[in-house]
Amino acid sequence: MTTTTKNILLLTGVILLAVIPLLFVNGEFGGADGAAEEMIKELHPAYEPWFSSLLEPPPETESMLFALQAALGAGFIGYTIGLFKGRASKSKSQ
């Protein structure tokens, strides 16, 4: 099996792992924001929010964007650590 074939299979697997759960989800995703909103309504029923969102994506999209943000942050941190480690080992070898 060639490297290109392995890479294509791995990429396909990653895409399937991301897409398949979204196809089979029937319920709503609950989050801290929804729980906090319910608690505020319970504790102070007369409370009115100062403003509302201009765009409110579905909960699945919010979860996916949060996961993407976490993955990009982890990738950036990993790249930075690898870069500094590579520079340190290069300077030691010279």
PDB file of N, CA and C in Angstrom:
ATOM      1  N   MET A   1       0.853  -1.170   0.000  1.00  0.00           N
ATOM      2  CA  MET A   1       0.000   0.000   0.000  1.00  0.00           C
ATOM      3  C   MET A   1       0.899   1.233   0.000  1.00  0.00           C
ATOM      4  N   THR A   2       0.652   2.144  -0.906  1.00  0.00           N
ATOM      5  CA  THR A   2       1.505   3.325  -1.024  1.00  0.00           C
ATOM      6  C   THR A   2       1.146   4.361   0.033  1.00  0.00           C
ATOM      7  N   THR A   3       2.045   5.297   0.206  1.00  0.00           N
ATOM      8  CA  THR A   3       1.830   6.361   1.186  1.00  0.00           C
ATOM      9  C   THR A   3       0.625   7.217   0.817  1.00  0.00           C
ATOM     10  N   THR A   4       0.462   7.487  -0.465  1.00  0.00           N
ATOM     11  CA  THR A   4      -0.682   8.292  -0.917  1.00  0.00           C
ATOM     12  C   THR A   4      -1.992   7.590  -0.596  1.00  0.00           C
ATOM     13  N   THR A   5      -2.055   6.299  -0.814  1.00  0.00           N
ATOM     14  CA  THR A   5      -3.274   5.535  -0.515  1.00  0.00           C
ATOM     15  C   THR A   5      -3.560   5.549   0.984  1.00  0.00           C
ATOM     16  N   LYS A   6      -2.525   5.391   1.793  1.00  0.00           N
ATOM     17  CA  LYS A   6      -2.707   5.433   3.246  1.00  0.00           C
ATOM     18  C   LYS A   6      -3.231   6.800   3.689  1.00  0.00           C
ATOM     19  N   ASN A   7      -2.644   7.857   3.120  1.00  0.00           N
ATOM     20  CA  ASN A   7      -3.076   9.208   3.483  1.00  0.00           C
ATOM     21  C   ASN A   7      -4.531   9.457   3.097  1.00  0.00           C
ATOM     22  N   ILE A   8      -4.922   8.986   1.922  1.00  0.00           N
ATOM     23  CA  ILE A   8      -6.309   9.154   1.475  1.00  0.00           C
ATOM     24  C   ILE A   8      -7.254   8.379   2.381  1.00  0.00           C
ATOM     25  N   LEU A   9      -6.887   7.164   2.767  1.00  0.00           N
ATOM     26  CA  LEU A   9      -7.725   6.374   3.665  1.00  0.00           C
ATOM     27  C   LEU A   9      -7.835   7.032   5.049  1.00  0.00           C
ATOM     28  N   LEU A  10      -6.729   7.550   5.560  1.00  0.00           N
ATOM     29  CA  LEU A  10      -6.760   8.234   6.852  1.00  0.00           C
ATOM     30  C   LEU A  10      -7.634   9.484   6.799  1.00  0.00           C
ATOM     31  N   LEU A  11      -7.504  10.269   5.731  1.00  0.00           N
ATOM     32  CA  LEU A  11      -8.311  11.469   5.574  1.00  0.00           C
ATOM     33  C   LEU A  11      -9.790  11.122   5.456  1.00  0.00           C
ATOM     34  N   THR A  12     -10.097  10.080   4.709  1.00  0.00           N
ATOM     35  CA  THR A  12     -11.484   9.627   4.587  1.00  0.00           C
ATOM     36  C   THR A  12     -12.030   9.186   5.937  1.00  0.00           C
ATOM     37  N   GLY A  13     -11.231   8.470   6.700  1.00  0.00           N
ATOM     38  CA  GLY A  13     -11.654   8.036   8.041  1.00  0.00           C
ATOM     39  C   GLY A  13     -11.933   9.203   8.966  1.00  0.00           C
ATOM     40  N   VAL A  14     -11.081  10.218   8.930  1.00  0.00           N
ATOM     41  CA  VAL A  14     -11.276  11.394   9.775  1.00  0.00           C
ATOM     42  C   VAL A  14     -12.551  12.126   9.383  1.00  0.00           C
ATOM     43  N   ILE A  15     -12.777  12.283   8.092  1.00  0.00           N
ATOM     44  CA  ILE A  15     -13.991  12.955   7.620  1.00  0.00           C
ATOM     45  C   ILE A  15     -15.226  12.168   8.042  1.00  0.00           C
ATOM     46  N   LEU A  16     -15.186  10.850   7.891  1.00  0.00           N
ATOM     47  CA  LEU A  16     -16.328  10.029   8.294  1.00  0.00           C
ATOM     48  C   LEU A  16     -16.576  10.110   9.800  1.00  0.00           C
ATOM     49  N   LEU A  17     -15.503  10.121  10.596  1.00  0.00           N
ATOM     50  CA  LEU A  17     -15.667  10.248  12.047  1.00  0.00           C
ATOM     51  C   LEU A  17     -16.292  11.589  12.436  1.00  0.00           C
ATOM     52  N   ALA A  18     -16.082  12.605  11.638  1.00  0.00           N
ATOM     53  CA  ALA A  18     -16.669  13.911  11.934  1.00  0.00           C
ATOM     54  C   ALA A  18     -18.106  14.020  11.447  1.00  0.00           C
ATOM     55  N   VAL A  19     -18.431  13.389  10.318  1.00  0.00           N
ATOM     56  CA  VAL A  19     -19.740  13.582   9.693  1.00  0.00           C
ATOM     57  C   VAL A  19     -20.785  12.583  10.182  1.00  0.00           C
ATOM     58  N   ILE A  20     -20.426  11.331  10.358  1.00  0.00           N
ATOM     59  CA  ILE A  20     -21.400  10.290  10.706  1.00  0.00           C
ATOM     60  C   ILE A  20     -22.152  10.591  12.009  1.00  0.00           C
ATOM     61  N   PRO A  21     -21.490  11.013  13.089  1.00  0.00           N
ATOM     62  CA  PRO A  21     -22.274  11.313  14.304  1.00  0.00           C
ATOM     63  C   PRO A  21     -23.312  12.416  14.089  1.00  0.00           C
ATOM     64  N   LEU A  22     -23.012  13.394  13.247  1.00  0.00           N
ATOM     65  CA  LEU A  22     -23.965  14.470  12.997  1.00  0.00           C
ATOM     66  C   LEU A  22     -25.195  13.973  12.243  1.00  0.00           C
ATOM     67  N   LEU A  23     -25.039  12.911  11.461  1.00  0.00           N
ATOM     68  CA  LEU A  23     -26.162  12.371  10.704  1.00  0.00           C
ATOM     69  C   LEU A  23     -27.126  11.595  11.591  1.00  0.00           C
ATOM     70  N   PHE A  24     -26.622  10.998  12.667  1.00  0.00           N
ATOM     71  CA  PHE A  24     -27.443  10.137  13.508  1.00  0.00           C
ATOM     72  C   PHE A  24     -27.946  10.802  14.786  1.00  0.00           C
ATOM     73  N   VAL A  25     -27.636  12.071  14.985  1.00  0.00           N
ATOM     74  CA  VAL A  25     -28.083  12.770  16.188  1.00  0.00           C
ATOM     75  C   VAL A  25     -29.524  13.208  15.994  1.00  0.00           C
ATOM     76  N   ASN A  26     -30.393  12.767  16.903  1.00  0.00           N
ATOM     77  CA  ASN A  26     -31.797  13.137  16.816  1.00  0.00           C
ATOM     78  C   ASN A  26     -32.167  14.214  17.824  1.00  0.00           C
ATOM     79  N   GLY A  27     -31.444  14.311  18.913  1.00  0.00           N
ATOM     80  CA  GLY A  27     -31.784  15.249  19.976  1.00  0.00           C
ATOM     81  C   GLY A  27     -30.977  16.525  19.885  1.00  0.00           C
ATOM     82  N   GLU A  28     -31.234  17.370  20.835  1.00  0.00           N
ATOM     83  CA  GLU A  28     -30.515  18.630  20.938  1.00  0.00           C
ATOM     84  C   GLU A  28     -29.282  18.451  21.812  1.00  0.00           C
ATOM     85  N   PHE A  29     -28.231  19.178  21.481  1.00  0.00           N
ATOM     86  CA  PHE A  29     -27.061  19.216  22.345  1.00  0.00           C
ATOM     87  C   PHE A  29     -27.326  20.241  23.434  1.00  0.00           C
ATOM     88  N   GLY A  30     -27.097  19.871  24.669  1.00  0.00           N
ATOM     89  CA  GLY A  30     -27.261  20.819  25.764  1.00  0.00           C
ATOM     90  C   GLY A  30     -25.915  21.364  26.167  1.00  0.00           C
ATOM     91  N   GLY A  31     -25.904  22.617  26.535  1.00  0.00           N
ATOM     92  CA  GLY A  31     -24.631  23.203  26.923  1.00  0.00           C
ATOM     93  C   GLY A  31     -24.771  24.066  28.156  1.00  0.00           C
ATOM     94  N   ALA A  32     -23.673  24.660  28.571  1.00  0.00           N
ATOM     95  CA  ALA A  32     -23.663  25.493  29.765  1.00  0.00           C
ATOM     96  C   ALA A  32     -24.485  26.758  29.561  1.00  0.00           C
ATOM     97  N   ASP A  33     -24.472  27.297  28.346  1.00  0.00           N
ATOM     98  CA  ASP A  33     -25.233  28.519  28.090  1.00  0.00           C
ATOM     99  C   ASP A  33     -26.726  28.295  28.302  1.00  0.00           C
ATOM    100  N   GLY A  34     -27.245  27.194  27.787  1.00  0.00           N
ATOM    101  CA  GLY A  34     -28.663  26.887  27.952  1.00  0.00           C
ATOM    102  C   GLY A  34     -29.025  26.635  29.402  1.00  0.00           C
ATOM    103  N   ALA A  35     -28.158  25.931  30.112  1.00  0.00           N
ATOM    104  CA  ALA A  35     -28.408  25.654  31.526  1.00  0.00           C
ATOM    105  C   ALA A  35     -28.370  26.949  32.342  1.00  0.00           C
ATOM    106  N   ALA A  36     -27.444  27.842  32.023  1.00  0.00           N
ATOM    107  CA  ALA A  36     -27.354  29.117  32.734  1.00  0.00           C
ATOM    108  C   ALA A  36     -28.594  29.967  32.468  1.00  0.00           C
ATOM    109  N   GLU A  37     -29.052  29.976  31.226  1.00  0.00           N
ATOM    110  CA  GLU A  37     -30.255  30.741  30.882  1.00  0.00           C
ATOM    111  C   GLU A  37     -31.477  30.231  31.649  1.00  0.00           C
ATOM    112  N   GLU A  38     -31.609  28.920  31.733  1.00  0.00           N
ATOM    113  CA  GLU A  38     -32.723  28.338  32.492  1.00  0.00           C
ATOM    114  C   GLU A  38     -32.638  28.690  33.977  1.00  0.00           C
ATOM    115  N   MET A  39     -31.438  28.657  34.538  1.00  0.00           N
ATOM    116  CA  MET A  39     -31.261  28.972  35.956  1.00  0.00           C
ATOM    117  C   MET A  39     -31.595  30.440  36.224  1.00  0.00           C
ATOM    118  N   ILE A  40     -31.180  31.326  35.333  1.00  0.00           N
ATOM    119  CA  ILE A  40     -31.487  32.756  35.499  1.00  0.00           C
ATOM    120  C   ILE A  40     -32.994  32.977  35.456  1.00  0.00           C
ATOM    121  N   LYS A  41     -33.680  32.329  34.516  1.00  0.00           N
ATOM    122  CA  LYS A  41     -35.135  32.462  34.423  1.00  0.00           C
ATOM    123  C   LYS A  41     -35.819  31.926  35.679  1.00  0.00           C
ATOM    124  N   GLU A  42     -35.246  30.876  36.261  1.00  0.00           N
ATOM    125  CA  GLU A  42     -35.824  30.293  37.464  1.00  0.00           C
ATOM    126  C   GLU A  42     -35.614  31.194  38.676  1.00  0.00           C
ATOM    127  N   LEU A  43     -34.406  31.768  38.801  1.00  0.00           N
ATOM    128  CA  LEU A  43     -34.083  32.588  39.962  1.00  0.00           C
ATOM    129  C   LEU A  43     -34.645  34.003  39.872  1.00  0.00           C
ATOM    130  N   HIS A  44     -34.692  34.549  38.651  1.00  0.00           N
ATOM    131  CA  HIS A  44     -35.149  35.929  38.473  1.00  0.00           C
ATOM    132  C   HIS A  44     -36.030  35.990  37.220  1.00  0.00           C
ATOM    133  N   PRO A  45     -37.312  35.647  37.356  1.00  0.00           N
ATOM    134  CA  PRO A  45     -38.196  35.554  36.188  1.00  0.00           C
ATOM    135  C   PRO A  45     -38.377  36.866  35.425  1.00  0.00           C
ATOM    136  N   ALA A  46     -38.198  38.013  36.071  1.00  0.00           N
ATOM    137  CA  ALA A  46     -38.408  39.298  35.409  1.00  0.00           C
ATOM    138  C   ALA A  46     -37.178  39.773  34.637  1.00  0.00           C
ATOM    139  N   TYR A  47     -36.089  39.027  34.701  1.00  0.00           N
ATOM    140  CA  TYR A  47     -34.850  39.447  34.029  1.00  0.00           C
ATOM    141  C   TYR A  47     -35.040  39.471  32.520  1.00  0.00           C
ATOM    142  N   GLU A  48     -34.565  40.550  31.883  1.00  0.00           N
ATOM    143  CA  GLU A  48     -34.586  40.660  30.430  1.00  0.00           C
ATOM    144  C   GLU A  48     -33.150  40.855  29.947  1.00  0.00           C
ATOM    145  N   PRO A  49     -32.716  40.077  28.959  1.00  0.00           N
ATOM    146  CA  PRO A  49     -31.349  40.230  28.434  1.00  0.00           C
ATOM    147  C   PRO A  49     -31.140  41.620  27.830  1.00  0.00           C
ATOM    148  N   TRP A  50     -29.906  42.099  27.863  1.00  0.00           N
ATOM    149  CA  TRP A  50     -29.585  43.413  27.328  1.00  0.00           C
ATOM    150  C   TRP A  50     -29.667  43.424  25.808  1.00  0.00           C
ATOM    151  N   PHE A  51     -29.260  42.331  25.181  1.00  0.00           N
ATOM    152  CA  PHE A  51     -29.291  42.239  23.725  1.00  0.00           C
ATOM    153  C   PHE A  51     -29.406  40.781  23.337  1.00  0.00           C
ATOM    154  N   SER A  52     -29.688  40.541  22.064  1.00  0.00           N
ATOM    155  CA  SER A  52     -29.755  39.164  21.562  1.00  0.00           C
ATOM    156  C   SER A  52     -28.789  39.017  20.393  1.00  0.00           C
ATOM    157  N   SER A  53     -28.407  37.799  20.104  1.00  0.00           N
ATOM    158  CA  SER A  53     -27.444  37.526  19.033  1.00  0.00           C
ATOM    159  C   SER A  53     -28.033  37.861  17.676  1.00  0.00           C
ATOM    160  N   LEU A  54     -27.168  38.341  16.787  1.00  0.00           N
ATOM    161  CA  LEU A  54     -27.607  38.611  15.419  1.00  0.00           C
ATOM    162  C   LEU A  54     -27.772  37.308  14.646  1.00  0.00           C
ATOM    163  N   LEU A  55     -26.868  36.382  14.886  1.00  0.00           N
ATOM    164  CA  LEU A  55     -26.889  35.090  14.202  1.00  0.00           C
ATOM    165  C   LEU A  55     -26.764  34.002  15.263  1.00  0.00           C
ATOM    166  N   GLU A  56     -27.710  33.101  15.279  1.00  0.00           N
ATOM    167  CA  GLU A  56     -27.671  32.022  16.264  1.00  0.00           C
ATOM    168  C   GLU A  56     -27.655  30.680  15.524  1.00  0.00           C
ATOM    169  N   PRO A  57     -26.447  30.104  15.330  1.00  0.00           N
ATOM    170  CA  PRO A  57     -26.363  28.835  14.607  1.00  0.00           C
ATOM    171  C   PRO A  57     -26.958  27.691  15.427  1.00  0.00           C
ATOM    172  N   PRO A  58     -27.299  26.588  14.760  1.00  0.00           N
ATOM    173  CA  PRO A  58     -27.814  25.432  15.498  1.00  0.00           C
ATOM    174  C   PRO A  58     -26.773  24.915  16.493  1.00  0.00           C
ATOM    175  N   PRO A  59     -27.227  24.238  17.547  1.00  0.00           N
ATOM    176  CA  PRO A  59     -26.292  23.758  18.572  1.00  0.00           C
ATOM    177  C   PRO A  59     -25.205  22.841  18.016  1.00  0.00           C
ATOM    178  N   GLU A  60     -25.534  22.030  17.003  1.00  0.00           N
ATOM    179  CA  GLU A  60     -24.527  21.135  16.426  1.00  0.00           C
ATOM    180  C   GLU A  60     -23.388  21.940  15.818  1.00  0.00           C
ATOM    181  N   THR A  61     -23.735  23.034  15.142  1.00  0.00           N
ATOM    182  CA  THR A  61     -22.721  23.873  14.513  1.00  0.00           C
ATOM    183  C   THR A  61     -21.872  24.559  15.571  1.00  0.00           C
ATOM    184  N   GLU A  62     -22.499  25.022  16.640  1.00  0.00           N
ATOM    185  CA  GLU A  62     -21.742  25.639  17.721  1.00  0.00           C
ATOM    186  C   GLU A  62     -20.738  24.661  18.310  1.00  0.00           C
ATOM    187  N   SER A  63     -21.171  23.420  18.535  1.00  0.00           N
ATOM    188  CA  SER A  63     -20.276  22.402  19.091  1.00  0.00           C
ATOM    189  C   SER A  63     -19.117  22.121  18.141  1.00  0.00           C
ATOM    190  N   MET A  64     -19.434  22.034  16.844  1.00  0.00           N
ATOM    191  CA  MET A  64     -18.391  21.746  15.867  1.00  0.00           C
ATOM    192  C   MET A  64     -17.398  22.910  15.781  1.00  0.00           C
ATOM    193  N   LEU A  65     -17.878  24.150  15.833  1.00  0.00           N
ATOM    194  CA  LEU A  65     -16.988  25.298  15.795  1.00  0.00           C
ATOM    195  C   LEU A  65     -16.106  25.356  17.048  1.00  0.00           C
ATOM    196  N   PHE A  66     -16.673  24.991  18.194  1.00  0.00           N
ATOM    197  CA  PHE A  66     -15.883  24.958  19.434  1.00  0.00           C
ATOM    198  C   PHE A  66     -14.791  23.904  19.333  1.00  0.00           C
ATOM    199  N   ALA A  67     -15.135  22.736  18.795  1.00  0.00           N
ATOM    200  CA  ALA A  67     -14.137  21.673  18.626  1.00  0.00           C
ATOM    201  C   ALA A  67     -13.055  22.099  17.636  1.00  0.00           C
ATOM    202  N   LEU A  68     -13.449  22.782  16.567  1.00  0.00           N
ATOM    203  CA  LEU A  68     -12.476  23.277  15.589  1.00  0.00           C
ATOM    204  C   LEU A  68     -11.538  24.285  16.235  1.00  0.00           C
ATOM    205  N   GLN A  69     -12.096  25.177  17.050  1.00  0.00           N
ATOM    206  CA  GLN A  69     -11.284  26.162  17.754  1.00  0.00           C
ATOM    207  C   GLN A  69     -10.283  25.471  18.681  1.00  0.00           C
ATOM    208  N   ALA A  70     -10.725  24.461  19.393  1.00  0.00           N
ATOM    209  CA  ALA A  70      -9.825  23.722  20.295  1.00  0.00           C
ATOM    210  C   ALA A  70      -8.739  23.009  19.502  1.00  0.00           C
ATOM    211  N   ALA A  71      -9.108  22.400  18.374  1.00  0.00           N
ATOM    212  CA  ALA A  71      -8.122  21.688  17.550  1.00  0.00           C
ATOM    213  C   ALA A  71      -7.090  22.651  16.968  1.00  0.00           C
ATOM    214  N   LEU A  72      -7.536  23.799  16.490  1.00  0.00           N
ATOM    215  CA  LEU A  72      -6.594  24.781  15.950  1.00  0.00           C
ATOM    216  C   LEU A  72      -5.660  25.302  17.039  1.00  0.00           C
ATOM    217  N   GLY A  73      -6.183  25.540  18.221  1.00  0.00           N
ATOM    218  CA  GLY A  73      -5.347  25.991  19.331  1.00  0.00           C
ATOM    219  C   GLY A  73      -4.314  24.944  19.717  1.00  0.00           C
ATOM    220  N   ALA A  74      -4.749  23.692  19.789  1.00  0.00           N
ATOM    221  CA  ALA A  74      -3.817  22.610  20.126  1.00  0.00           C
ATOM    222  C   ALA A  74      -2.767  22.454  19.035  1.00  0.00           C
ATOM    223  N   GLY A  75      -3.172  22.583  17.784  1.00  0.00           N
ATOM    224  CA  GLY A  75      -2.218  22.494  16.676  1.00  0.00           C
ATOM    225  C   GLY A  75      -1.190  23.613  16.728  1.00  0.00           C
ATOM    226  N   PHE A  76      -1.646  24.814  17.029  1.00  0.00           N
ATOM    227  CA  PHE A  76      -0.743  25.956  17.125  1.00  0.00           C
ATOM    228  C   PHE A  76       0.259  25.762  18.267  1.00  0.00           C
ATOM    229  N   ILE A  77      -0.240  25.324  19.413  1.00  0.00           N
ATOM    230  CA  ILE A  77       0.646  25.097  20.563  1.00  0.00           C
ATOM    231  C   ILE A  77       1.648  23.984  20.257  1.00  0.00           C
ATOM    232  N   GLY A  78       1.179  22.896  19.652  1.00  0.00           N
ATOM    233  CA  GLY A  78       2.073  21.802  19.287  1.00  0.00           C
ATOM    234  C   GLY A  78       3.128  22.234  18.283  1.00  0.00           C
ATOM    235  N   TYR A  79       2.717  23.022  17.289  1.00  0.00           N
ATOM    236  CA  TYR A  79       3.669  23.514  16.291  1.00  0.00           C
ATOM    237  C   TYR A  79       4.724  24.400  16.950  1.00  0.00           C
ATOM    238  N   THR A  80       4.283  25.286  17.844  1.00  0.00           N
ATOM    239  CA  THR A  80       5.212  26.202  18.511  1.00  0.00           C
ATOM    240  C   THR A  80       6.201  25.434  19.377  1.00  0.00           C
ATOM    241  N   ILE A  81       5.713  24.462  20.130  1.00  0.00           N
ATOM    242  CA  ILE A  81       6.622  23.658  20.966  1.00  0.00           C
ATOM    243  C   ILE A  81       7.609  22.902  20.086  1.00  0.00           C
ATOM    244  N   GLY A  82       7.134  22.310  18.995  1.00  0.00           N
ATOM    245  CA  GLY A  82       8.021  21.601  18.080  1.00  0.00           C
ATOM    246  C   GLY A  82       9.045  22.515  17.437  1.00  0.00           C
ATOM    247  N   LEU A  83       8.620  23.719  17.092  1.00  0.00           N
ATOM    248  CA  LEU A  83       9.535  24.689  16.483  1.00  0.00           C
ATOM    249  C   LEU A  83      10.656  25.049  17.449  1.00  0.00           C
ATOM    250  N   PHE A  84      10.308  25.366  18.692  1.00  0.00           N
ATOM    251  CA  PHE A  84      11.328  25.722  19.673  1.00  0.00           C
ATOM    252  C   PHE A  84      12.227  24.536  20.014  1.00  0.00           C
ATOM    253  N   LYS A  85      11.654  23.338  20.085  1.00  0.00           N
ATOM    254  CA  LYS A  85      12.455  22.152  20.364  1.00  0.00           C
ATOM    255  C   LYS A  85      13.424  21.889  19.210  1.00  0.00           C
ATOM    256  N   GLY A  86      12.941  22.064  17.974  1.00  0.00           N
ATOM    257  CA  GLY A  86      13.805  21.881  16.823  1.00  0.00           C
ATOM    258  C   GLY A  86      14.954  22.900  16.791  1.00  0.00           C
ATOM    259  N   ARG A  87      14.624  24.144  17.125  1.00  0.00           N
ATOM    260  CA  ARG A  87      15.661  25.176  17.169  1.00  0.00           C
ATOM    261  C   ARG A  87      16.681  24.864  18.259  1.00  0.00           C
ATOM    262  N   ALA A  88      16.212  24.395  19.409  1.00  0.00           N
ATOM    263  CA  ALA A  88      17.136  24.082  20.507  1.00  0.00           C
ATOM    264  C   ALA A  88      18.056  22.926  20.134  1.00  0.00           C
ATOM    265  N   SER A  89      17.496  21.872  19.517  1.00  0.00           N
ATOM    266  CA  SER A  89      18.340  20.725  19.151  1.00  0.00           C
ATOM    267  C   SER A  89      19.286  21.095  18.018  1.00  0.00           C
ATOM    268  N   LYS A  90      18.872  21.992  17.133  1.00  0.00           N
ATOM    269  CA  LYS A  90      19.740  22.426  16.043  1.00  0.00           C
ATOM    270  C   LYS A  90      20.903  23.246  16.588  1.00  0.00           C
ATOM    271  N   SER A  91      20.629  24.109  17.560  1.00  0.00           N
ATOM    272  CA  SER A  91      21.711  24.933  18.122  1.00  0.00           C
ATOM    273  C   SER A  91      22.675  24.089  18.958  1.00  0.00           C
ATOM    274  N   LYS A  92      22.193  23.002  19.581  1.00  0.00           N
ATOM    275  CA  LYS A  92      23.069  22.117  20.350  1.00  0.00           C
ATOM    276  C   LYS A  92      23.988  21.324  19.424  1.00  0.00           C
ATOM    277  N   SER A  93      23.482  20.951  18.253  1.00  0.00           N
ATOM    278  CA  SER A  93      24.292  20.150  17.337  1.00  0.00           C
ATOM    279  C   SER A  93      25.364  20.971  16.630  1.00  0.00           C
ATOM    280  N   GLN A  94      25.197  22.284  16.594  1.00  0.00           N
ATOM    281  CA  GLN A  94      26.186  23.126  15.909  1.00  0.00           C
ATOM    282  C   GLN A  94      27.268  23.534  16.811  1.00  0.00           C
TER     283      GLN A  94
END
